[in-house]
Amino acid sequence: MKALWWLAILGTLAGAIGLVSTFAVNSAPQQAAGAAIAIAFAVLPYCLARAVEGVQGKREPTMAVASFATKPCPDCAENVREEARKCRFCGFDFRAPAETCGACHKPLDRTVSKSFCAECGAPC
């Protein structure tokens, strides 16, 4: 595997030398052809090394993505971290005590009705 990476490095060096030498040529088609060959010397060995690495299953270690427990905001329904004290989207304060119905003592859902309890229908 290391031999393929060395081949990619040597191909890049050969491509760089070839690219510099194309500027000595006078005609535009010869410069374009030389530049294409120089790019091929640099790119093809790299692609070959990556393909062999992919077939063998050797991959560079990736950073682990941290996952956090989330809860929905009761005001805007966006997911926020479980330990959040304030919603970063709408500013809802999770520390404030929830309003409860005087009759059934269940939390009031102000999105359903602003003046009546959604559970028992009592006026609030």
PDB file of N, CA and C in Angstrom:
ATOM      1  N   MET A   1       0.818  -1.188   0.000  1.00  0.00           N
ATOM      2  CA  MET A   1       0.000   0.000   0.000  1.00  0.00           C
ATOM      3  C   MET A   1       0.864   1.254   0.000  1.00  0.00           C
ATOM      4  N   LYS A   2       1.933   1.220   0.792  1.00  0.00           N
ATOM      5  CA  LYS A   2       2.812   2.387   0.828  1.00  0.00           C
ATOM      6  C   LYS A   2       3.466   2.616  -0.521  1.00  0.00           C
ATOM      7  N   ALA A   3       3.685   1.521  -1.269  1.00  0.00           N
ATOM      8  CA  ALA A   3       4.306   1.661  -2.592  1.00  0.00           C
ATOM      9  C   ALA A   3       3.401   2.474  -3.517  1.00  0.00           C
ATOM     10  N   LEU A   4       2.096   2.282  -3.406  1.00  0.00           N
ATOM     11  CA  LEU A   4       1.175   3.054  -4.242  1.00  0.00           C
ATOM     12  C   LEU A   4       1.192   4.536  -3.871  1.00  0.00           C
ATOM     13  N   TRP A   5       1.319   4.824  -2.582  1.00  0.00           N
ATOM     14  CA  TRP A   5       1.396   6.228  -2.180  1.00  0.00           C
ATOM     15  C   TRP A   5       2.703   6.851  -2.646  1.00  0.00           C
ATOM     16  N   TRP A   6       3.794   6.062  -2.615  1.00  0.00           N
ATOM     17  CA  TRP A   6       5.072   6.569  -3.151  1.00  0.00           C
ATOM     18  C   TRP A   6       4.942   6.802  -4.653  1.00  0.00           C
ATOM     19  N   LEU A   7       4.220   5.918  -5.331  1.00  0.00           N
ATOM     20  CA  LEU A   7       3.976   6.106  -6.763  1.00  0.00           C
ATOM     21  C   LEU A   7       3.177   7.387  -7.007  1.00  0.00           C
ATOM     22  N   ALA A   8       2.213   7.661  -6.155  1.00  0.00           N
ATOM     23  CA  ALA A   8       1.427   8.891  -6.282  1.00  0.00           C
ATOM     24  C   ALA A   8       2.304  10.124  -6.069  1.00  0.00           C
ATOM     25  N   ILE A   9       3.212  10.065  -5.115  1.00  0.00           N
ATOM     26  CA  ILE A   9       4.118  11.191  -4.857  1.00  0.00           C
ATOM     27  C   ILE A   9       5.059  11.394  -6.035  1.00  0.00           C
ATOM     28  N   LEU A  10       5.631  10.290  -6.538  1.00  0.00           N
ATOM     29  CA  LEU A  10       6.534  10.404  -7.697  1.00  0.00           C
ATOM     30  C   LEU A  10       5.775  10.904  -8.929  1.00  0.00           C
ATOM     31  N   GLY A  11       4.547  10.440  -9.113  1.00  0.00           N
ATOM     32  CA  GLY A  11       3.736  10.919 -10.228  1.00  0.00           C
ATOM     33  C   GLY A  11       3.455  12.403 -10.121  1.00  0.00           C
ATOM     34  N   THR A  12       3.219  12.870  -8.907  1.00  0.00           N
ATOM     35  CA  THR A  12       2.987  14.300  -8.697  1.00  0.00           C
ATOM     36  C   THR A  12       4.233  15.105  -9.031  1.00  0.00           C
ATOM     37  N   LEU A  13       5.394  14.607  -8.601  1.00  0.00           N
ATOM     38  CA  LEU A  13       6.644  15.304  -8.924  1.00  0.00           C
ATOM     39  C   LEU A  13       6.900  15.306 -10.426  1.00  0.00           C
ATOM     40  N   ALA A  14       6.682  14.155 -11.072  1.00  0.00           N
ATOM     41  CA  ALA A  14       6.872  14.089 -12.523  1.00  0.00           C
ATOM     42  C   ALA A  14       5.887  15.012 -13.232  1.00  0.00           C
ATOM     43  N   GLY A  15       4.660  15.079 -12.751  1.00  0.00           N
ATOM     44  CA  GLY A  15       3.673  15.971 -13.328  1.00  0.00           C
ATOM     45  C   GLY A  15       4.057  17.426 -13.166  1.00  0.00           C
ATOM     46  N   ALA A  16       4.601  17.785 -12.006  1.00  0.00           N
ATOM     47  CA  ALA A  16       5.029  19.167 -11.780  1.00  0.00           C
ATOM     48  C   ALA A  16       6.174  19.542 -12.711  1.00  0.00           C
ATOM     49  N   ILE A  17       7.123  18.634 -12.869  1.00  0.00           N
ATOM     50  CA  ILE A  17       8.247  18.898 -13.785  1.00  0.00           C
ATOM     51  C   ILE A  17       7.732  19.001 -15.214  1.00  0.00           C
ATOM     52  N   GLY A  18       6.825  18.111 -15.596  1.00  0.00           N
ATOM     53  CA  GLY A  18       6.250  18.155 -16.942  1.00  0.00           C
ATOM     54  C   GLY A  18       5.461  19.426 -17.181  1.00  0.00           C
ATOM     55  N   LEU A  19       4.754  19.886 -16.160  1.00  0.00           N
ATOM     56  CA  LEU A  19       3.970  21.107 -16.299  1.00  0.00           C
ATOM     57  C   LEU A  19       4.877  22.319 -16.488  1.00  0.00           C
ATOM     58  N   VAL A  20       5.959  22.370 -15.734  1.00  0.00           N
ATOM     59  CA  VAL A  20       6.898  23.480 -15.884  1.00  0.00           C
ATOM     60  C   VAL A  20       7.561  23.437 -17.254  1.00  0.00           C
ATOM     61  N   SER A  21       7.874  22.235 -17.739  1.00  0.00           N
ATOM     62  CA  SER A  21       8.559  22.130 -19.032  1.00  0.00           C
ATOM     63  C   SER A  21       7.633  22.476 -20.201  1.00  0.00           C
ATOM     64  N   THR A  22       6.320  22.423 -20.017  1.00  0.00           N
ATOM     65  CA  THR A  22       5.404  22.768 -21.115  1.00  0.00           C
ATOM     66  C   THR A  22       5.443  24.255 -21.446  1.00  0.00           C
ATOM     67  N   PHE A  23       5.881  25.064 -20.520  1.00  0.00           N
ATOM     68  CA  PHE A  23       5.946  26.502 -20.791  1.00  0.00           C
ATOM     69  C   PHE A  23       7.084  26.860 -21.737  1.00  0.00           C
ATOM     70  N   ALA A  24       8.015  25.927 -21.956  1.00  0.00           N
ATOM     71  CA  ALA A  24       9.115  26.179 -22.884  1.00  0.00           C
ATOM     72  C   ALA A  24       8.688  25.968 -24.335  1.00  0.00           C
ATOM     73  N   VAL A  25       7.576  25.272 -24.547  1.00  0.00           N
ATOM     74  CA  VAL A  25       7.086  24.989 -25.892  1.00  0.00           C
ATOM     75  C   VAL A  25       6.396  26.237 -26.434  1.00  0.00           C
ATOM     76  N   ASN A  26       6.512  26.455 -27.747  1.00  0.00           N
ATOM     77  CA  ASN A  26       6.004  27.689 -28.337  1.00  0.00           C
ATOM     78  C   ASN A  26       4.539  27.637 -28.739  1.00  0.00           C
ATOM     79  N   SER A  27       4.026  26.506 -29.160  1.00  0.00           N
ATOM     80  CA  SER A  27       2.658  26.488 -29.683  1.00  0.00           C
ATOM     81  C   SER A  27       1.659  26.129 -28.571  1.00  0.00           C
ATOM     82  N   ALA A  28       0.490  26.697 -28.699  1.00  0.00           N
ATOM     83  CA  ALA A  28      -0.558  26.488 -27.699  1.00  0.00           C
ATOM     84  C   ALA A  28      -1.041  25.039 -27.640  1.00  0.00           C
ATOM     85  N   PRO A  29      -1.210  24.347 -28.787  1.00  0.00           N
ATOM     86  CA  PRO A  29      -1.660  22.956 -28.691  1.00  0.00           C
ATOM     87  C   PRO A  29      -0.647  22.054 -27.979  1.00  0.00           C
ATOM     88  N   GLN A  30       0.630  22.314 -28.185  1.00  0.00           N
ATOM     89  CA  GLN A  30       1.649  21.509 -27.508  1.00  0.00           C
ATOM     90  C   GLN A  30       1.653  21.815 -26.010  1.00  0.00           C
ATOM     91  N   GLN A  31       1.422  23.078 -25.634  1.00  0.00           N
ATOM     92  CA  GLN A  31       1.341  23.426 -24.223  1.00  0.00           C
ATOM     93  C   GLN A  31       0.129  22.747 -23.571  1.00  0.00           C
ATOM     94  N   ALA A  32      -0.989  22.737 -24.260  1.00  0.00           N
ATOM     95  CA  ALA A  32      -2.198  22.108 -23.720  1.00  0.00           C
ATOM     96  C   ALA A  32      -2.005  20.601 -23.555  1.00  0.00           C
ATOM     97  N   ALA A  33      -1.405  19.969 -24.552  1.00  0.00           N
ATOM     98  CA  ALA A  33      -1.154  18.523 -24.472  1.00  0.00           C
ATOM     99  C   ALA A  33      -0.181  18.210 -23.341  1.00  0.00           C
ATOM    100  N   GLY A  34       0.855  19.009 -23.213  1.00  0.00           N
ATOM    101  CA  GLY A  34       1.827  18.797 -22.133  1.00  0.00           C
ATOM    102  C   GLY A  34       1.201  18.981 -20.767  1.00  0.00           C
ATOM    103  N   ALA A  35       0.339  19.993 -20.632  1.00  0.00           N
ATOM    104  CA  ALA A  35      -0.326  20.229 -19.360  1.00  0.00           C
ATOM    105  C   ALA A  35      -1.271  19.078 -19.020  1.00  0.00           C
ATOM    106  N   ALA A  36      -1.975  18.537 -20.015  1.00  0.00           N
ATOM    107  CA  ALA A  36      -2.884  17.410 -19.773  1.00  0.00           C
ATOM    108  C   ALA A  36      -2.119  16.175 -19.329  1.00  0.00           C
ATOM    109  N   ILE A  37      -0.989  15.925 -19.951  1.00  0.00           N
ATOM    110  CA  ILE A  37      -0.169  14.769 -19.561  1.00  0.00           C
ATOM    111  C   ILE A  37       0.389  14.972 -18.154  1.00  0.00           C
ATOM    112  N   ALA A  38       0.807  16.200 -17.844  1.00  0.00           N
ATOM    113  CA  ALA A  38       1.338  16.475 -16.505  1.00  0.00           C
ATOM    114  C   ALA A  38       0.268  16.268 -15.441  1.00  0.00           C
ATOM    115  N   ILE A  39      -0.950  16.711 -15.728  1.00  0.00           N
ATOM    116  CA  ILE A  39      -2.050  16.508 -14.775  1.00  0.00           C
ATOM    117  C   ILE A  39      -2.351  15.021 -14.625  1.00  0.00           C
ATOM    118  N   ALA A  40      -2.301  14.282 -15.720  1.00  0.00           N
ATOM    119  CA  ALA A  40      -2.544  12.837 -15.663  1.00  0.00           C
ATOM    120  C   ALA A  40      -1.494  12.141 -14.799  1.00  0.00           C
ATOM    121  N   PHE A  41      -0.237  12.574 -14.921  1.00  0.00           N
ATOM    122  CA  PHE A  41       0.825  11.994 -14.090  1.00  0.00           C
ATOM    123  C   PHE A  41       0.557  12.243 -12.605  1.00  0.00           C
ATOM    124  N   ALA A  42      -0.062  13.357 -12.290  1.00  0.00           N
ATOM    125  CA  ALA A  42      -0.317  13.684 -10.888  1.00  0.00           C
ATOM    126  C   ALA A  42      -1.587  13.023 -10.363  1.00  0.00           C
ATOM    127  N   VAL A  43      -2.632  12.961 -11.189  1.00  0.00           N
ATOM    128  CA  VAL A  43      -3.936  12.521 -10.703  1.00  0.00           C
ATOM    129  C   VAL A  43      -4.113  11.003 -10.749  1.00  0.00           C
ATOM    130  N   LEU A  44      -3.702  10.366 -11.818  1.00  0.00           N
ATOM    131  CA  LEU A  44      -3.954   8.928 -11.976  1.00  0.00           C
ATOM    132  C   LEU A  44      -3.340   8.069 -10.867  1.00  0.00           C
ATOM    133  N   PRO A  45      -2.077   8.268 -10.473  1.00  0.00           N
ATOM    134  CA  PRO A  45      -1.563   7.446  -9.370  1.00  0.00           C
ATOM    135  C   PRO A  45      -2.318   7.670  -8.053  1.00  0.00           C
ATOM    136  N   TYR A  46      -2.731   8.889  -7.808  1.00  0.00           N
ATOM    137  CA  TYR A  46      -3.496   9.170  -6.594  1.00  0.00           C
ATOM    138  C   TYR A  46      -4.831   8.423  -6.623  1.00  0.00           C
ATOM    139  N   CYS A  47      -5.519   8.483  -7.752  1.00  0.00           N
ATOM    140  CA  CYS A  47      -6.806   7.771  -7.881  1.00  0.00           C
ATOM    141  C   CYS A  47      -6.621   6.272  -7.723  1.00  0.00           C
ATOM    142  N   LEU A  48      -5.555   5.739  -8.282  1.00  0.00           N
ATOM    143  CA  LEU A  48      -5.272   4.313  -8.141  1.00  0.00           C
ATOM    144  C   LEU A  48      -5.031   3.949  -6.686  1.00  0.00           C
ATOM    145  N   ALA A  49      -4.250   4.750  -5.975  1.00  0.00           N
ATOM    146  CA  ALA A  49      -3.965   4.467  -4.565  1.00  0.00           C
ATOM    147  C   ALA A  49      -5.248   4.538  -3.733  1.00  0.00           C
ATOM    148  N   ARG A  50      -6.094   5.516  -3.997  1.00  0.00           N
ATOM    149  CA  ARG A  50      -7.347   5.624  -3.247  1.00  0.00           C
ATOM    150  C   ARG A  50      -8.287   4.459  -3.553  1.00  0.00           C
ATOM    151  N   ALA A  51      -8.311   4.021  -4.815  1.00  0.00           N
ATOM    152  CA  ALA A  51      -9.175   2.900  -5.194  1.00  0.00           C
ATOM    153  C   ALA A  51      -8.728   1.617  -4.510  1.00  0.00           C
ATOM    154  N   VAL A  52      -7.432   1.359  -4.504  1.00  0.00           N
ATOM    155  CA  VAL A  52      -6.926   0.152  -3.848  1.00  0.00           C
ATOM    156  C   VAL A  52      -7.180   0.228  -2.353  1.00  0.00           C
ATOM    157  N   GLU A  53      -7.007   1.403  -1.776  1.00  0.00           N
ATOM    158  CA  GLU A  53      -7.279   1.580  -0.356  1.00  0.00           C
ATOM    159  C   GLU A  53      -8.746   1.311  -0.048  1.00  0.00           C
ATOM    160  N   GLY A  54      -9.638   1.753  -0.930  1.00  0.00           N
ATOM    161  CA  GLY A  54     -11.060   1.519  -0.730  1.00  0.00           C
ATOM    162  C   GLY A  54     -11.429   0.052  -0.858  1.00  0.00           C
ATOM    163  N   VAL A  55     -10.810  -0.655  -1.806  1.00  0.00           N
ATOM    164  CA  VAL A  55     -11.093  -2.083  -1.986  1.00  0.00           C
ATOM    165  C   VAL A  55     -10.610  -2.884  -0.791  1.00  0.00           C
ATOM    166  N   GLN A  56      -9.460  -2.496  -0.247  1.00  0.00           N
ATOM    167  CA  GLN A  56      -8.921  -3.220   0.905  1.00  0.00           C
ATOM    168  C   GLN A  56      -9.649  -2.878   2.194  1.00  0.00           C
ATOM    169  N   GLY A  57     -10.447  -1.828   2.171  1.00  0.00           N
ATOM    170  CA  GLY A  57     -11.222  -1.480   3.352  1.00  0.00           C
ATOM    171  C   GLY A  57     -10.457  -0.651   4.362  1.00  0.00           C
ATOM    172  N   LYS A  58      -9.273  -0.215   4.035  1.00  0.00           N
ATOM    173  CA  LYS A  58      -8.511   0.615   4.960  1.00  0.00           C
ATOM    174  C   LYS A  58      -8.947   2.053   4.765  1.00  0.00           C
ATOM    175  N   ARG A  59      -9.446   2.621   5.813  1.00  0.00           N
ATOM    176  CA  ARG A  59      -9.927   3.995   5.740  1.00  0.00           C
ATOM    177  C   ARG A  59      -9.271   4.802   6.851  1.00  0.00           C
ATOM    178  N   GLU A  60      -9.192   6.079   6.613  1.00  0.00           N
ATOM    179  CA  GLU A  60      -8.678   6.963   7.642  1.00  0.00           C
ATOM    180  C   GLU A  60      -9.710   7.048   8.751  1.00  0.00           C
ATOM    181  N   PRO A  61      -9.261   7.097  10.003  1.00  0.00           N
ATOM    182  CA  PRO A  61     -10.233   7.195  11.087  1.00  0.00           C
ATOM    183  C   PRO A  61     -10.974   8.527  11.014  1.00  0.00           C
ATOM    184  N   THR A  62     -12.260   8.457  11.220  1.00  0.00           N
ATOM    185  CA  THR A  62     -13.073   9.666  11.187  1.00  0.00           C
ATOM    186  C   THR A  62     -13.395  10.080  12.613  1.00  0.00           C
ATOM    187  N   MET A  63     -13.665  11.336  12.783  1.00  0.00           N
ATOM    188  CA  MET A  63     -14.017  11.829  14.110  1.00  0.00           C
ATOM    189  C   MET A  63     -15.419  11.360  14.462  1.00  0.00           C
ATOM    190  N   ALA A  64     -15.593  10.960  15.691  1.00  0.00           N
ATOM    191  CA  ALA A  64     -16.905  10.527  16.149  1.00  0.00           C
ATOM    192  C   ALA A  64     -17.796  11.743  16.349  1.00  0.00           C
ATOM    193  N   VAL A  65     -18.996  11.630  15.903  1.00  0.00           N
ATOM    194  CA  VAL A  65     -19.960  12.712  16.074  1.00  0.00           C
ATOM    195  C   VAL A  65     -20.700  12.464  17.378  1.00  0.00           C
ATOM    196  N   ALA A  66     -20.640  13.445  18.242  1.00  0.00           N
ATOM    197  CA  ALA A  66     -21.309  13.306  19.531  1.00  0.00           C
ATOM    198  C   ALA A  66     -22.813  13.435  19.340  1.00  0.00           C
ATOM    199  N   SER A  67     -23.539  12.546  19.967  1.00  0.00           N
ATOM    200  CA  SER A  67     -24.992  12.644  19.897  1.00  0.00           C
ATOM    201  C   SER A  67     -25.505  12.967  21.294  1.00  0.00           C
ATOM    202  N   PHE A  68     -26.486  13.814  21.341  1.00  0.00           N
ATOM    203  CA  PHE A  68     -27.037  14.246  22.599  1.00  0.00           C
ATOM    204  C   PHE A  68     -28.515  13.896  22.647  1.00  0.00           C
ATOM    205  N   ALA A  69     -28.987  13.667  23.848  1.00  0.00           N
ATOM    206  CA  ALA A  69     -30.411  13.448  24.028  1.00  0.00           C
ATOM    207  C   ALA A  69     -31.110  14.779  23.804  1.00  0.00           C
ATOM    208  N   THR A  70     -32.223  14.735  23.105  1.00  0.00           N
ATOM    209  CA  THR A  70     -32.946  15.965  22.802  1.00  0.00           C
ATOM    210  C   THR A  70     -34.379  15.886  23.296  1.00  0.00           C
ATOM    211  N   LYS A  71     -34.981  17.041  23.374  1.00  0.00           N
ATOM    212  CA  LYS A  71     -36.397  17.140  23.729  1.00  0.00           C
ATOM    213  C   LYS A  71     -37.014  18.212  22.845  1.00  0.00           C
ATOM    214  N   PRO A  72     -38.292  18.090  22.531  1.00  0.00           N
ATOM    215  CA  PRO A  72     -38.922  19.127  21.711  1.00  0.00           C
ATOM    216  C   PRO A  72     -39.297  20.333  22.571  1.00  0.00           C
ATOM    217  N   CYS A  73     -39.126  21.495  22.009  1.00  0.00           N
ATOM    218  CA  CYS A  73     -39.555  22.719  22.685  1.00  0.00           C
ATOM    219  C   CYS A  73     -41.079  22.772  22.614  1.00  0.00           C
ATOM    220  N   PRO A  74     -41.763  22.994  23.731  1.00  0.00           N
ATOM    221  CA  PRO A  74     -43.232  23.043  23.697  1.00  0.00           C
ATOM    222  C   PRO A  74     -43.778  24.273  22.984  1.00  0.00           C
ATOM    223  N   ASP A  75     -42.935  25.283  22.776  1.00  0.00           N
ATOM    224  CA  ASP A  75     -43.400  26.511  22.153  1.00  0.00           C
ATOM    225  C   ASP A  75     -43.243  26.495  20.639  1.00  0.00           C
ATOM    226  N   CYS A  76     -42.057  26.037  20.143  1.00  0.00           N
ATOM    227  CA  CYS A  76     -41.814  26.085  18.690  1.00  0.00           C
ATOM    228  C   CYS A  76     -41.600  24.708  18.070  1.00  0.00           C
ATOM    229  N   ALA A  77     -41.558  23.648  18.879  1.00  0.00           N
ATOM    230  CA  ALA A  77     -41.440  22.254  18.437  1.00  0.00           C
ATOM    231  C   ALA A  77     -40.080  21.917  17.833  1.00  0.00           C
ATOM    232  N   GLU A  78     -39.070  22.765  17.994  1.00  0.00           N
ATOM    233  CA  GLU A  78     -37.717  22.431  17.533  1.00  0.00           C
ATOM    234  C   GLU A  78     -37.043  21.548  18.573  1.00  0.00           C
ATOM    235  N   ASN A  79     -36.152  20.649  18.132  1.00  0.00           N
ATOM    236  CA  ASN A  79     -35.427  19.804  19.062  1.00  0.00           C
ATOM    237  C   ASN A  79     -34.260  20.573  19.672  1.00  0.00           C
ATOM    238  N   VAL A  80     -34.178  20.525  20.993  1.00  0.00           N
ATOM    239  CA  VAL A  80     -33.081  21.145  21.726  1.00  0.00           C
ATOM    240  C   VAL A  80     -32.477  20.093  22.650  1.00  0.00           C
ATOM    241  N   ARG A  81     -31.266  20.338  23.127  1.00  0.00           N
ATOM    242  CA  ARG A  81     -30.614  19.374  24.012  1.00  0.00           C
ATOM    243  C   ARG A  81     -31.412  19.208  25.301  1.00  0.00           C
ATOM    244  N   GLU A  82     -31.347  18.011  25.854  1.00  0.00           N
ATOM    245  CA  GLU A  82     -32.130  17.661  27.044  1.00  0.00           C
ATOM    246  C   GLU A  82     -31.827  18.586  28.219  1.00  0.00           C
ATOM    247  N   GLU A  83     -30.574  18.979  28.382  1.00  0.00           N
ATOM    248  CA  GLU A  83     -30.203  19.807  29.527  1.00  0.00           C
ATOM    249  C   GLU A  83     -30.369  21.312  29.265  1.00  0.00           C
ATOM    250  N   ALA A  84     -30.963  21.672  28.143  1.00  0.00           N
ATOM    251  CA  ALA A  84     -31.156  23.088  27.808  1.00  0.00           C
ATOM    252  C   ALA A  84     -32.094  23.750  28.798  1.00  0.00           C
ATOM    253  N   ARG A  85     -31.746  24.978  29.193  1.00  0.00           N
ATOM    254  CA  ARG A  85     -32.591  25.761  30.079  1.00  0.00           C
ATOM    255  C   ARG A  85     -33.447  26.744  29.301  1.00  0.00           C
ATOM    256  N   LYS A  86     -32.993  27.048  28.066  1.00  0.00           N
ATOM    257  CA  LYS A  86     -33.699  28.005  27.230  1.00  0.00           C
ATOM    258  C   LYS A  86     -33.611  27.521  25.790  1.00  0.00           C
ATOM    259  N   CYS A  87     -34.698  27.621  25.034  1.00  0.00           N
ATOM    260  CA  CYS A  87     -34.710  27.202  23.634  1.00  0.00           C
ATOM    261  C   CYS A  87     -33.879  28.180  22.815  1.00  0.00           C
ATOM    262  N   ARG A  88     -32.968  27.653  22.009  1.00  0.00           N
ATOM    263  CA  ARG A  88     -32.106  28.534  21.214  1.00  0.00           C
ATOM    264  C   ARG A  88     -32.837  29.077  19.987  1.00  0.00           C
ATOM    265  N   PHE A  89     -33.996  28.557  19.677  1.00  0.00           N
ATOM    266  CA  PHE A  89     -34.741  29.012  18.520  1.00  0.00           C
ATOM    267  C   PHE A  89     -35.746  30.107  18.869  1.00  0.00           C
ATOM    268  N   CYS A  90     -36.532  29.883  19.913  1.00  0.00           N
ATOM    269  CA  CYS A  90     -37.600  30.847  20.233  1.00  0.00           C
ATOM    270  C   CYS A  90     -37.417  31.530  21.581  1.00  0.00           C
ATOM    271  N   GLY A  91     -36.483  31.028  22.405  1.00  0.00           N
ATOM    272  CA  GLY A  91     -36.228  31.649  23.702  1.00  0.00           C
ATOM    273  C   GLY A  91     -37.123  31.135  24.822  1.00  0.00           C
ATOM    274  N   PHE A  92     -37.881  30.057  24.594  1.00  0.00           N
ATOM    275  CA  PHE A  92     -38.743  29.488  25.634  1.00  0.00           C
ATOM    276  C   PHE A  92     -37.887  29.096  26.836  1.00  0.00           C
ATOM    277  N   ASP A  93     -38.347  29.459  28.024  1.00  0.00           N
ATOM    278  CA  ASP A  93     -37.612  29.170  29.252  1.00  0.00           C
ATOM    279  C   ASP A  93     -38.140  27.877  29.858  1.00  0.00           C
ATOM    280  N   PHE A  94     -37.307  26.826  29.863  1.00  0.00           N
ATOM    281  CA  PHE A  94     -37.725  25.533  30.409  1.00  0.00           C
ATOM    282  C   PHE A  94     -37.760  25.551  31.934  1.00  0.00           C
ATOM    283  N   ARG A  95     -37.087  26.507  32.568  1.00  0.00           N
ATOM    284  CA  ARG A  95     -37.027  26.568  34.028  1.00  0.00           C
ATOM    285  C   ARG A  95     -38.306  27.144  34.630  1.00  0.00           C
ATOM    286  N   ALA A  96     -39.053  27.897  33.838  1.00  0.00           N
ATOM    287  CA  ALA A  96     -40.287  28.505  34.355  1.00  0.00           C
ATOM    288  C   ALA A  96     -41.308  27.406  34.644  1.00  0.00           C
ATOM    289  N   PRO A  97     -42.027  27.525  35.758  1.00  0.00           N
ATOM    290  CA  PRO A  97     -43.021  26.486  36.057  1.00  0.00           C
ATOM    291  C   PRO A  97     -44.145  26.499  35.022  1.00  0.00           C
ATOM    292  N   ALA A  98     -44.580  25.315  34.660  1.00  0.00           N
ATOM    293  CA  ALA A  98     -45.658  25.194  33.674  1.00  0.00           C
ATOM    294  C   ALA A  98     -46.975  25.619  34.305  1.00  0.00           C
ATOM    295  N   GLU A  99     -47.809  26.297  33.525  1.00  0.00           N
ATOM    296  CA  GLU A  99     -49.131  26.681  34.010  1.00  0.00           C
ATOM    297  C   GLU A  99     -49.994  25.426  34.102  1.00  0.00           C
ATOM    298  N   THR A 100     -50.762  25.321  35.166  1.00  0.00           N
ATOM    299  CA  THR A 100     -51.657  24.177  35.314  1.00  0.00           C
ATOM    300  C   THR A 100     -53.096  24.656  35.444  1.00  0.00           C
ATOM    301  N   CYS A 101     -53.982  23.780  35.070  1.00  0.00           N
ATOM    302  CA  CYS A 101     -55.415  24.070  35.160  1.00  0.00           C
ATOM    303  C   CYS A 101     -55.829  24.038  36.634  1.00  0.00           C
ATOM    304  N   GLY A 102     -56.660  24.973  37.021  1.00  0.00           N
ATOM    305  CA  GLY A 102     -57.130  25.009  38.409  1.00  0.00           C
ATOM    306  C   GLY A 102     -58.072  23.864  38.733  1.00  0.00           C
ATOM    307  N   ALA A 103     -58.772  23.328  37.728  1.00  0.00           N
ATOM    308  CA  ALA A 103     -59.761  22.272  37.975  1.00  0.00           C
ATOM    309  C   ALA A 103     -59.131  20.880  37.942  1.00  0.00           C
ATOM    310  N   CYS A 104     -58.372  20.569  36.886  1.00  0.00           N
ATOM    311  CA  CYS A 104     -57.837  19.199  36.755  1.00  0.00           C
ATOM    312  C   CYS A 104     -56.347  19.107  37.076  1.00  0.00           C
ATOM    313  N   HIS A 105     -55.680  20.228  37.278  1.00  0.00           N
ATOM    314  CA  HIS A 105     -54.261  20.308  37.645  1.00  0.00           C
ATOM    315  C   HIS A 105     -53.323  19.697  36.605  1.00  0.00           C
ATOM    316  N   LYS A 106     -53.752  19.685  35.353  1.00  0.00           N
ATOM    317  CA  LYS A 106     -52.892  19.224  34.262  1.00  0.00           C
ATOM    318  C   LYS A 106     -52.276  20.443  33.586  1.00  0.00           C
ATOM    319  N   PRO A 107     -51.107  20.279  32.938  1.00  0.00           N
ATOM    320  CA  PRO A 107     -50.478  21.434  32.275  1.00  0.00           C
ATOM    321  C   PRO A 107     -51.375  21.994  31.173  1.00  0.00           C
ATOM    322  N   LEU A 108     -51.428  23.320  31.096  1.00  0.00           N
ATOM    323  CA  LEU A 108     -52.242  23.979  30.076  1.00  0.00           C
ATOM    324  C   LEU A 108     -51.495  24.010  28.748  1.00  0.00           C
ATOM    325  N   ASP A 109     -52.223  23.715  27.682  1.00  0.00           N
ATOM    326  CA  ASP A 109     -51.672  23.799  26.337  1.00  0.00           C
ATOM    327  C   ASP A 109     -52.247  25.060  25.702  1.00  0.00           C
ATOM    328  N   ARG A 110     -51.449  26.132  25.705  1.00  0.00           N
ATOM    329  CA  ARG A 110     -51.930  27.417  25.211  1.00  0.00           C
ATOM    330  C   ARG A 110     -52.000  27.460  23.690  1.00  0.00           C
ATOM    331  N   THR A 111     -51.452  26.430  23.017  1.00  0.00           N
ATOM    332  CA  THR A 111     -51.556  26.406  21.555  1.00  0.00           C
ATOM    333  C   THR A 111     -52.956  25.978  21.119  1.00  0.00           C
ATOM    334  N   VAL A 112     -53.667  25.230  21.972  1.00  0.00           N
ATOM    335  CA  VAL A 112     -55.015  24.772  21.639  1.00  0.00           C
ATOM    336  C   VAL A 112     -56.028  25.862  21.942  1.00  0.00           C
ATOM    337  N   SER A 113     -55.980  26.382  23.162  1.00  0.00           N
ATOM    338  CA  SER A 113     -56.921  27.426  23.557  1.00  0.00           C
ATOM    339  C   SER A 113     -56.240  28.332  24.569  1.00  0.00           C
ATOM    340  N   LYS A 114     -56.458  29.628  24.426  1.00  0.00           N
ATOM    341  CA  LYS A 114     -55.838  30.576  25.341  1.00  0.00           C
ATOM    342  C   LYS A 114     -56.698  30.791  26.595  1.00  0.00           C
ATOM    343  N   SER A 115     -57.962  30.388  26.542  1.00  0.00           N
ATOM    344  CA  SER A 115     -58.833  30.687  27.686  1.00  0.00           C
ATOM    345  C   SER A 115     -59.498  29.451  28.303  1.00  0.00           C
ATOM    346  N   PHE A 116     -59.351  28.264  27.709  1.00  0.00           N
ATOM    347  CA  PHE A 116     -59.968  27.058  28.256  1.00  0.00           C
ATOM    348  C   PHE A 116     -58.949  25.932  28.312  1.00  0.00           C
ATOM    349  N   CYS A 117     -59.102  25.040  29.289  1.00  0.00           N
ATOM    350  CA  CYS A 117     -58.229  23.873  29.424  1.00  0.00           C
ATOM    351  C   CYS A 117     -58.579  22.880  28.328  1.00  0.00           C
ATOM    352  N   ALA A 118     -57.571  22.342  27.651  1.00  0.00           N
ATOM    353  CA  ALA A 118     -57.811  21.384  26.571  1.00  0.00           C
ATOM    354  C   ALA A 118     -58.227  20.025  27.101  1.00  0.00           C
ATOM    355  N   GLU A 119     -57.915  19.716  28.385  1.00  0.00           N
ATOM    356  CA  GLU A 119     -58.243  18.415  28.971  1.00  0.00           C
ATOM    357  C   GLU A 119     -59.690  18.367  29.495  1.00  0.00           C
ATOM    358  N   CYS A 120     -60.026  19.362  30.341  1.00  0.00           N
ATOM    359  CA  CYS A 120     -61.346  19.284  30.976  1.00  0.00           C
ATOM    360  C   CYS A 120     -62.317  20.364  30.498  1.00  0.00           C
ATOM    361  N   GLY A 121     -61.838  21.364  29.767  1.00  0.00           N
ATOM    362  CA  GLY A 121     -62.688  22.401  29.225  1.00  0.00           C
ATOM    363  C   GLY A 121     -63.006  23.521  30.190  1.00  0.00           C
ATOM    364  N   ALA A 122     -62.393  23.492  31.373  1.00  0.00           N
ATOM    365  CA  ALA A 122     -62.655  24.530  32.379  1.00  0.00           C
ATOM    366  C   ALA A 122     -62.026  25.851  31.945  1.00  0.00           C
ATOM    367  N   PRO A 123     -62.651  26.982  32.277  1.00  0.00           N
ATOM    368  CA  PRO A 123     -62.044  28.273  31.940  1.00  0.00           C
ATOM    369  C   PRO A 123     -60.788  28.511  32.780  1.00  0.00           C
ATOM    370  N   CYS A 124     -59.803  29.124  32.169  1.00  0.00           N
ATOM    371  CA  CYS A 124     -58.529  29.359  32.872  1.00  0.00           C
ATOM    372  C   CYS A 124     -58.342  30.839  33.149  1.00  0.00           C
TER     373      CYS A 124
END
